[in-house]
Structures are given as structure tokens and as C-alpha cells.
Full PDB file with SEQRES, HELIX, SHEET, SSBOND, CRYST1, ORIGX, SCALE, CONECT and MASTER records, all heavy atoms in Angstrom:
SEQRES   1 A   35  GLU CYS ALA LYS ALA LEU LEU SER HIS GLY ALA ILE ALA          
SEQRES   2 A   35  VAL SER ALA PHE CYS ALA HIS ALA ALA PHE PRO PRO GLY          
SEQRES   3 A   35  VAL GLU ASN ARG PHE CYS GLN GLY GLY                          
HELIX    1 AA1 CYS A    2  SER A    8  1                                   7    
HELIX    2 AA2 VAL A   27  PHE A   31  5                                   5    
CRYST1    1.000    1.000    1.000  90.00  90.00  90.00 P 1           1          
ORIGX1      1.000000  0.000000  0.000000        0.00000                         
ORIGX2      0.000000  1.000000  0.000000        0.00000                         
ORIGX3      0.000000  0.000000  1.000000        0.00000                         
SCALE1      1.000000  0.000000  0.000000        0.00000                         
SCALE2      0.000000  1.000000  0.000000        0.00000                         
SCALE3      0.000000  0.000000  1.000000        0.00000                         
ATOM      1  N   GLU A   1      96.338  88.876 112.231  1.00  0.00           N  
ATOM      2  CA  GLU A   1      95.783  89.861 111.319  1.00  0.00           C  
ATOM      3  C   GLU A   1      96.653  91.107 111.182  1.00  0.00           C  
ATOM      4  O   GLU A   1      96.731  91.659 110.085  1.00  0.00           O  
ATOM      5  CB  GLU A   1      94.344  90.391 111.986  1.00  0.00           C  
ATOM      6  CG  GLU A   1      93.344  89.239 111.912  1.00  0.00           C  
ATOM      7  CD  GLU A   1      93.081  88.750 110.509  1.00  0.00           C  
ATOM      8  OE1 GLU A   1      92.902  89.567 109.648  1.00  0.00           O  
ATOM      9  OE2 GLU A   1      93.035  87.529 110.368  1.00  0.00           O  
ATOM     10  N   CYS A   2      97.430  91.425 112.177  1.00  0.00           N  
ATOM     11  CA  CYS A   2      98.394  92.521 112.150  1.00  0.00           C  
ATOM     12  C   CYS A   2      99.495  92.095 111.064  1.00  0.00           C  
ATOM     13  O   CYS A   2      99.905  92.899 110.260  1.00  0.00           O  
ATOM     14  CB  CYS A   2      99.004  92.716 113.439  1.00  0.00           C  
ATOM     15  SG  CYS A   2     100.273  94.065 113.498  1.00  0.00           S  
ATOM     16  N   ALA A   3      99.999  90.910 111.151  1.00  0.00           N  
ATOM     17  CA  ALA A   3     101.007  90.397 110.268  1.00  0.00           C  
ATOM     18  C   ALA A   3     100.529  90.405 108.786  1.00  0.00           C  
ATOM     19  O   ALA A   3     101.195  90.864 107.866  1.00  0.00           O  
ATOM     20  CB  ALA A   3     101.439  89.002 110.591  1.00  0.00           C  
ATOM     21  N   LYS A   4      99.240  90.050 108.561  1.00  0.00           N  
ATOM     22  CA  LYS A   4      98.673  90.012 107.247  1.00  0.00           C  
ATOM     23  C   LYS A   4      98.506  91.473 106.712  1.00  0.00           C  
ATOM     24  O   LYS A   4      98.758  91.739 105.437  1.00  0.00           O  
ATOM     25  CB  LYS A   4      97.283  89.342 107.293  1.00  0.00           C  
ATOM     26  CG  LYS A   4      97.395  87.808 107.497  1.00  0.00           C  
ATOM     27  CD  LYS A   4      96.023  87.185 107.508  1.00  0.00           C  
ATOM     28  CE  LYS A   4      96.079  85.704 107.653  1.00  0.00           C  
ATOM     29  NZ  LYS A   4      94.662  85.057 107.640  1.00  0.00           N  
ATOM     30  N   ALA A   5      98.136  92.389 107.549  1.00  0.00           N  
ATOM     31  CA  ALA A   5      98.122  93.801 107.164  1.00  0.00           C  
ATOM     32  C   ALA A   5      99.420  94.330 106.704  1.00  0.00           C  
ATOM     33  O   ALA A   5      99.620  95.035 105.692  1.00  0.00           O  
ATOM     34  CB  ALA A   5      97.473  94.677 108.243  1.00  0.00           C  
ATOM     35  N   LEU A   6     100.443  94.050 107.475  1.00  0.00           N  
ATOM     36  CA  LEU A   6     101.850  94.445 107.121  1.00  0.00           C  
ATOM     37  C   LEU A   6     102.309  93.906 105.763  1.00  0.00           C  
ATOM     38  O   LEU A   6     102.823  94.514 104.996  1.00  0.00           O  
ATOM     39  CB  LEU A   6     102.757  94.009 108.280  1.00  0.00           C  
ATOM     40  CG  LEU A   6     102.542  94.690 109.653  1.00  0.00           C  
ATOM     41  CD1 LEU A   6     103.366  94.054 110.734  1.00  0.00           C  
ATOM     42  CD2 LEU A   6     102.827  96.215 109.615  1.00  0.00           C  
ATOM     43  N   LEU A   7     102.059  92.547 105.638  1.00  0.00           N  
ATOM     44  CA  LEU A   7     102.482  91.906 104.332  1.00  0.00           C  
ATOM     45  C   LEU A   7     101.672  92.401 103.153  1.00  0.00           C  
ATOM     46  O   LEU A   7     102.329  92.668 102.128  1.00  0.00           O  
ATOM     47  CB  LEU A   7     102.262  90.370 104.515  1.00  0.00           C  
ATOM     48  CG  LEU A   7     103.194  89.680 105.505  1.00  0.00           C  
ATOM     49  CD1 LEU A   7     102.627  88.297 105.764  1.00  0.00           C  
ATOM     50  CD2 LEU A   7     104.635  89.608 104.986  1.00  0.00           C  
ATOM     51  N   SER A   8     100.452  92.879 103.364  1.00  0.00           N  
ATOM     52  CA  SER A   8      99.721  93.261 102.251  1.00  0.00           C  
ATOM     53  C   SER A   8     100.119  94.718 101.895  1.00  0.00           C  
ATOM     54  O   SER A   8      99.774  95.212 100.760  1.00  0.00           O  
ATOM     55  CB  SER A   8      98.218  93.298 102.628  1.00  0.00           C  
ATOM     56  OG  SER A   8      97.890  94.277 103.663  1.00  0.00           O  
ATOM     57  N   HIS A   9     100.825  95.414 102.809  1.00  0.00           N  
ATOM     58  CA  HIS A   9     101.286  96.721 102.641  1.00  0.00           C  
ATOM     59  C   HIS A   9     102.807  96.810 102.211  1.00  0.00           C  
ATOM     60  O   HIS A   9     103.467  97.867 102.340  1.00  0.00           O  
ATOM     61  CB  HIS A   9     100.992  97.729 103.744  1.00  0.00           C  
ATOM     62  CG  HIS A   9      99.616  98.146 103.721  1.00  0.00           C  
ATOM     63  ND1 HIS A   9      98.558  97.276 104.262  1.00  0.00           N  
ATOM     64  CD2 HIS A   9      99.014  99.298 103.441  1.00  0.00           C  
ATOM     65  CE1 HIS A   9      97.400  97.998 104.230  1.00  0.00           C  
ATOM     66  NE2 HIS A   9      97.619  99.173 103.716  1.00  0.00           N  
ATOM     67  N   GLY A  10     103.374  95.668 101.812  1.00  0.00           N  
ATOM     68  CA  GLY A  10     104.686  95.573 101.270  1.00  0.00           C  
ATOM     69  C   GLY A  10     105.797  95.111 102.183  1.00  0.00           C  
ATOM     70  O   GLY A  10     106.987  95.059 101.796  1.00  0.00           O  
ATOM     71  N   ALA A  11     105.517  94.619 103.381  1.00  0.00           N  
ATOM     72  CA  ALA A  11     106.535  94.025 104.251  1.00  0.00           C  
ATOM     73  C   ALA A  11     107.068  92.824 103.576  1.00  0.00           C  
ATOM     74  O   ALA A  11     106.283  92.050 103.001  1.00  0.00           O  
ATOM     75  CB  ALA A  11     105.952  93.749 105.586  1.00  0.00           C  
ATOM     76  N   ILE A  12     108.354  92.615 103.696  1.00  0.00           N  
ATOM     77  CA  ILE A  12     108.921  91.391 103.093  1.00  0.00           C  
ATOM     78  C   ILE A  12     108.849  90.156 103.939  1.00  0.00           C  
ATOM     79  O   ILE A  12     108.936  89.005 103.505  1.00  0.00           O  
ATOM     80  CB  ILE A  12     110.398  91.627 102.645  1.00  0.00           C  
ATOM     81  CG1 ILE A  12     111.292  92.065 103.827  1.00  0.00           C  
ATOM     82  CG2 ILE A  12     110.402  92.757 101.506  1.00  0.00           C  
ATOM     83  CD1 ILE A  12     112.742  92.176 103.487  1.00  0.00           C  
ATOM     84  N   ALA A  13     108.781  90.397 105.303  1.00  0.00           N  
ATOM     85  CA  ALA A  13     108.627  89.317 106.243  1.00  0.00           C  
ATOM     86  C   ALA A  13     108.141  89.910 107.634  1.00  0.00           C  
ATOM     87  O   ALA A  13     108.373  91.068 107.912  1.00  0.00           O  
ATOM     88  CB  ALA A  13     109.887  88.546 106.391  1.00  0.00           C  
ATOM     89  N   VAL A  14     107.580  89.007 108.400  1.00  0.00           N  
ATOM     90  CA  VAL A  14     107.128  89.480 109.701  1.00  0.00           C  
ATOM     91  C   VAL A  14     107.450  88.348 110.761  1.00  0.00           C  
ATOM     92  O   VAL A  14     107.279  87.081 110.497  1.00  0.00           O  
ATOM     93  CB  VAL A  14     105.558  89.624 109.754  1.00  0.00           C  
ATOM     94  CG1 VAL A  14     105.127  89.992 111.140  1.00  0.00           C  
ATOM     95  CG2 VAL A  14     105.127  90.647 108.720  1.00  0.00           C  
ATOM     96  N   SER A  15     108.042  88.739 111.891  1.00  0.00           N  
ATOM     97  CA  SER A  15     108.273  87.857 112.988  1.00  0.00           C  
ATOM     98  C   SER A  15     107.498  88.460 114.162  1.00  0.00           C  
ATOM     99  O   SER A  15     106.864  89.530 114.080  1.00  0.00           O  
ATOM    100  CB  SER A  15     109.763  87.753 113.360  1.00  0.00           C  
ATOM    101  OG  SER A  15     110.445  87.043 112.324  1.00  0.00           O  
ATOM    102  N   ALA A  16     107.492  87.744 115.313  1.00  0.00           N  
ATOM    103  CA  ALA A  16     106.716  88.236 116.460  1.00  0.00           C  
ATOM    104  C   ALA A  16     107.467  87.918 117.730  1.00  0.00           C  
ATOM    105  O   ALA A  16     108.265  86.999 117.819  1.00  0.00           O  
ATOM    106  CB  ALA A  16     105.374  87.626 116.482  1.00  0.00           C  
ATOM    107  N   PHE A  17     107.263  88.795 118.732  1.00  0.00           N  
ATOM    108  CA  PHE A  17     107.701  88.521 120.135  1.00  0.00           C  
ATOM    109  C   PHE A  17     106.684  88.845 121.061  1.00  0.00           C  
ATOM    110  O   PHE A  17     106.121  89.846 121.069  1.00  0.00           O  
ATOM    111  CB  PHE A  17     108.930  89.352 120.444  1.00  0.00           C  
ATOM    112  CG  PHE A  17     109.366  89.359 121.917  1.00  0.00           C  
ATOM    113  CD1 PHE A  17     109.896  88.161 122.521  1.00  0.00           C  
ATOM    114  CD2 PHE A  17     109.108  90.477 122.725  1.00  0.00           C  
ATOM    115  CE1 PHE A  17     110.223  88.140 123.810  1.00  0.00           C  
ATOM    116  CE2 PHE A  17     109.383  90.406 124.078  1.00  0.00           C  
ATOM    117  CZ  PHE A  17     109.970  89.230 124.624  1.00  0.00           C  
ATOM    118  N   CYS A  18     106.421  87.861 121.966  1.00  0.00           N  
ATOM    119  CA  CYS A  18     105.460  88.035 123.066  1.00  0.00           C  
ATOM    120  C   CYS A  18     106.145  87.593 124.349  1.00  0.00           C  
ATOM    121  O   CYS A  18     106.763  86.570 124.380  1.00  0.00           O  
ATOM    122  CB  CYS A  18     104.154  87.254 122.894  1.00  0.00           C  
ATOM    123  SG  CYS A  18     103.147  88.047 121.718  1.00  0.00           S  
ATOM    124  N   ALA A  19     105.978  88.405 125.391  1.00  0.00           N  
ATOM    125  CA  ALA A  19     106.603  88.129 126.681  1.00  0.00           C  
ATOM    126  C   ALA A  19     106.038  86.785 127.207  1.00  0.00           C  
ATOM    127  O   ALA A  19     106.771  85.949 127.731  1.00  0.00           O  
ATOM    128  CB  ALA A  19     106.443  89.246 127.695  1.00  0.00           C  
ATOM    129  N   HIS A  20     104.690  86.691 127.161  1.00  0.00           N  
ATOM    130  CA  HIS A  20     104.088  85.524 127.808  1.00  0.00           C  
ATOM    131  C   HIS A  20     103.179  84.741 126.779  1.00  0.00           C  
ATOM    132  O   HIS A  20     102.289  85.370 126.182  1.00  0.00           O  
ATOM    133  CB  HIS A  20     103.137  86.041 128.903  1.00  0.00           C  
ATOM    134  CG  HIS A  20     103.862  86.872 129.881  1.00  0.00           C  
ATOM    135  ND1 HIS A  20     104.918  86.543 130.675  1.00  0.00           N  
ATOM    136  CD2 HIS A  20     103.577  88.176 130.274  1.00  0.00           C  
ATOM    137  CE1 HIS A  20     105.304  87.574 131.412  1.00  0.00           C  
ATOM    138  NE2 HIS A  20     104.551  88.537 131.166  1.00  0.00           N  
ATOM    139  N   ALA A  21     103.500  83.513 126.572  1.00  0.00           N  
ATOM    140  CA  ALA A  21     102.727  82.603 125.695  1.00  0.00           C  
ATOM    141  C   ALA A  21     101.662  81.926 126.521  1.00  0.00           C  
ATOM    142  O   ALA A  21     101.927  81.155 127.453  1.00  0.00           O  
ATOM    143  CB  ALA A  21     103.620  81.561 125.062  1.00  0.00           C  
ATOM    144  N   ALA A  22     100.352  82.302 126.296  1.00  0.00           N  
ATOM    145  CA  ALA A  22      99.226  81.782 127.074  1.00  0.00           C  
ATOM    146  C   ALA A  22      98.349  80.881 126.210  1.00  0.00           C  
ATOM    147  O   ALA A  22      97.125  80.995 126.386  1.00  0.00           O  
ATOM    148  CB  ALA A  22      98.565  82.880 127.868  1.00  0.00           C  
ATOM    149  N   PHE A  23      98.894  80.129 125.273  1.00  0.00           N  
ATOM    150  CA  PHE A  23      98.161  79.394 124.404  1.00  0.00           C  
ATOM    151  C   PHE A  23      97.289  78.325 124.964  1.00  0.00           C  
ATOM    152  O   PHE A  23      97.825  77.550 125.853  1.00  0.00           O  
ATOM    153  CB  PHE A  23      99.044  78.690 123.407  1.00  0.00           C  
ATOM    154  CG  PHE A  23      99.980  79.508 122.578  1.00  0.00           C  
ATOM    155  CD1 PHE A  23     101.321  79.198 122.353  1.00  0.00           C  
ATOM    156  CD2 PHE A  23      99.459  80.697 121.960  1.00  0.00           C  
ATOM    157  CE1 PHE A  23     102.123  79.962 121.624  1.00  0.00           C  
ATOM    158  CE2 PHE A  23     100.322  81.544 121.218  1.00  0.00           C  
ATOM    159  CZ  PHE A  23     101.619  81.124 121.002  1.00  0.00           C  
ATOM    160  N   PRO A  24      95.990  78.224 124.708  1.00  0.00           N  
ATOM    161  CA  PRO A  24      95.249  77.063 125.100  1.00  0.00           C  
ATOM    162  C   PRO A  24      95.863  75.817 124.368  1.00  0.00           C  
ATOM    163  O   PRO A  24      96.506  75.926 123.386  1.00  0.00           O  
ATOM    164  CB  PRO A  24      93.858  77.334 124.533  1.00  0.00           C  
ATOM    165  CG  PRO A  24      93.779  78.813 124.484  1.00  0.00           C  
ATOM    166  CD  PRO A  24      95.189  79.259 124.043  1.00  0.00           C  
ATOM    167  N   PRO A  25      95.612  74.589 124.876  1.00  0.00           N  
ATOM    168  CA  PRO A  25      96.278  73.420 124.295  1.00  0.00           C  
ATOM    169  C   PRO A  25      95.949  73.378 122.773  1.00  0.00           C  
ATOM    170  O   PRO A  25      94.848  73.462 122.390  1.00  0.00           O  
ATOM    171  CB  PRO A  25      95.669  72.289 125.078  1.00  0.00           C  
ATOM    172  CG  PRO A  25      95.276  72.846 126.357  1.00  0.00           C  
ATOM    173  CD  PRO A  25      94.908  74.289 126.132  1.00  0.00           C  
ATOM    174  N   GLY A  26      97.064  73.098 121.999  1.00  0.00           N  
ATOM    175  CA  GLY A  26      96.915  72.916 120.571  1.00  0.00           C  
ATOM    176  C   GLY A  26      97.107  74.129 119.711  1.00  0.00           C  
ATOM    177  O   GLY A  26      97.422  74.044 118.574  1.00  0.00           O  
ATOM    178  N   VAL A  27      96.955  75.417 120.388  1.00  0.00           N  
ATOM    179  CA  VAL A  27      97.065  76.594 119.552  1.00  0.00           C  
ATOM    180  C   VAL A  27      98.436  76.739 119.064  1.00  0.00           C  
ATOM    181  O   VAL A  27      98.655  77.304 117.874  1.00  0.00           O  
ATOM    182  CB  VAL A  27      96.681  77.780 120.369  1.00  0.00           C  
ATOM    183  CG1 VAL A  27      97.033  79.097 119.706  1.00  0.00           C  
ATOM    184  CG2 VAL A  27      95.124  77.746 120.732  1.00  0.00           C  
ATOM    185  N   GLU A  28      99.467  76.273 119.692  1.00  0.00           N  
ATOM    186  CA  GLU A  28     100.831  76.456 119.214  1.00  0.00           C  
ATOM    187  C   GLU A  28     101.098  75.788 117.916  1.00  0.00           C  
ATOM    188  O   GLU A  28     101.866  76.276 117.086  1.00  0.00           O  
ATOM    189  CB  GLU A  28     101.856  75.994 120.365  1.00  0.00           C  
ATOM    190  CG  GLU A  28     101.801  74.459 120.634  1.00  0.00           C  
ATOM    191  CD  GLU A  28     100.758  74.115 121.656  1.00  0.00           C  
ATOM    192  OE1 GLU A  28      99.925  75.026 122.046  1.00  0.00           O  
ATOM    193  OE2 GLU A  28     100.599  72.882 121.948  1.00  0.00           O  
ATOM    194  N   ASN A  29     100.288  74.729 117.662  1.00  0.00           N  
ATOM    195  CA  ASN A  29     100.494  73.976 116.368  1.00  0.00           C  
ATOM    196  C   ASN A  29     100.047  74.769 115.196  1.00  0.00           C  
ATOM    197  O   ASN A  29     100.519  74.624 114.052  1.00  0.00           O  
ATOM    198  CB  ASN A  29      99.710  72.717 116.462  1.00  0.00           C  
ATOM    199  CG  ASN A  29     100.231  71.724 117.444  1.00  0.00           C  
ATOM    200  OD1 ASN A  29     101.285  71.173 117.244  1.00  0.00           O  
ATOM    201  ND2 ASN A  29      99.532  71.530 118.565  1.00  0.00           N  
ATOM    202  N   ARG A  30      99.191  75.762 115.424  1.00  0.00           N  
ATOM    203  CA  ARG A  30      98.639  76.523 114.353  1.00  0.00           C  
ATOM    204  C   ARG A  30      99.598  77.517 113.763  1.00  0.00           C  
ATOM    205  O   ARG A  30      99.474  77.970 112.663  1.00  0.00           O  
ATOM    206  CB  ARG A  30      97.386  77.285 114.779  1.00  0.00           C  
ATOM    207  CG  ARG A  30      96.342  76.424 115.316  1.00  0.00           C  
ATOM    208  CD  ARG A  30      95.108  77.227 115.868  1.00  0.00           C  
ATOM    209  NE  ARG A  30      94.332  77.866 114.732  1.00  0.00           N  
ATOM    210  CZ  ARG A  30      93.342  78.647 115.029  1.00  0.00           C  
ATOM    211  NH1 ARG A  30      92.861  78.860 116.218  1.00  0.00           N  
ATOM    212  NH2 ARG A  30      92.710  79.307 113.941  1.00  0.00           N  
ATOM    213  N   PHE A  31     100.675  77.708 114.410  1.00  0.00           N  
ATOM    214  CA  PHE A  31     101.790  78.743 114.017  1.00  0.00           C  
ATOM    215  C   PHE A  31     102.879  78.007 113.342  1.00  0.00           C  
ATOM    216  O   PHE A  31     103.792  78.625 112.760  1.00  0.00           O  
ATOM    217  CB  PHE A  31     102.314  79.519 115.208  1.00  0.00           C  
ATOM    218  CG  PHE A  31     101.320  80.413 115.795  1.00  0.00           C  
ATOM    219  CD1 PHE A  31     100.571  80.060 116.938  1.00  0.00           C  
ATOM    220  CD2 PHE A  31     101.101  81.737 115.234  1.00  0.00           C  
ATOM    221  CE1 PHE A  31      99.592  80.906 117.522  1.00  0.00           C  
ATOM    222  CE2 PHE A  31     100.128  82.525 115.870  1.00  0.00           C  
ATOM    223  CZ  PHE A  31      99.365  82.156 116.902  1.00  0.00           C  
ATOM    224  N   CYS A  32     102.803  76.625 113.296  1.00  0.00           N  
ATOM    225  CA  CYS A  32     103.971  75.845 112.681  1.00  0.00           C  
ATOM    226  C   CYS A  32     103.617  75.659 111.184  1.00  0.00           C  
ATOM    227  O   CYS A  32     102.536  76.006 110.674  1.00  0.00           O  
ATOM    228  CB  CYS A  32     103.983  74.473 113.355  1.00  0.00           C  
ATOM    229  SG  CYS A  32     104.463  74.601 115.126  1.00  0.00           S  
ATOM    230  N   GLN A  33     104.642  75.128 110.528  1.00  0.00           N  
ATOM    231  CA  GLN A  33     104.490  74.858 109.093  1.00  0.00           C  
ATOM    232  C   GLN A  33     103.133  73.996 108.855  1.00  0.00           C  
ATOM    233  O   GLN A  33     102.980  72.985 109.530  1.00  0.00           O  
ATOM    234  CB  GLN A  33     105.685  74.164 108.487  1.00  0.00           C  
ATOM    235  CG  GLN A  33     106.912  75.080 108.459  1.00  0.00           C  
ATOM    236  CD  GLN A  33     108.007  74.351 107.730  1.00  0.00           C  
ATOM    237  OE1 GLN A  33     107.833  73.453 106.880  1.00  0.00           O  
ATOM    238  NE2 GLN A  33     109.255  74.875 108.048  1.00  0.00           N  
ATOM    239  N   GLY A  34     102.372  74.365 107.878  1.00  0.00           N  
ATOM    240  CA  GLY A  34     101.125  73.726 107.638  1.00  0.00           C  
ATOM    241  C   GLY A  34      99.866  74.221 108.447  1.00  0.00           C  
ATOM    242  O   GLY A  34      98.829  73.812 108.190  1.00  0.00           O  
ATOM    243  N   GLY A  35     100.222  75.056 109.500  1.00  0.00           N  
ATOM    244  CA  GLY A  35      99.110  75.547 110.275  1.00  0.00           C  
ATOM    245  C   GLY A  35      98.442  76.734 109.650  1.00  0.00           C  
ATOM    246  O   GLY A  35      99.017  77.452 108.818  1.00  0.00           O  
TER     247      GLY A  35                                                      
MASTER        0    0    0    2    0    0    0    6  246    1    0    3          
END                                                                             
């Protein structure tokens, strides 16, 4: 939602960094192409 807000206000691209990935199984797929 943060990325979408940035893009809607004129950002040309958004990346992310998180120290700890605590994804439940399968959540990582949602960030890939087609997710």
C-alpha cells in the first residue's frame, strides 16, 4: 500500500528492503511477476 501511494504521487519506481523476511508459506510468490 505504501508503494502504491508513492507511485500514485509520481514516483517512477519503488523497491523495498526488509531486514527480516517472515513470510508465511507461499507469500513470497505474490511479489513475483504475475503475483
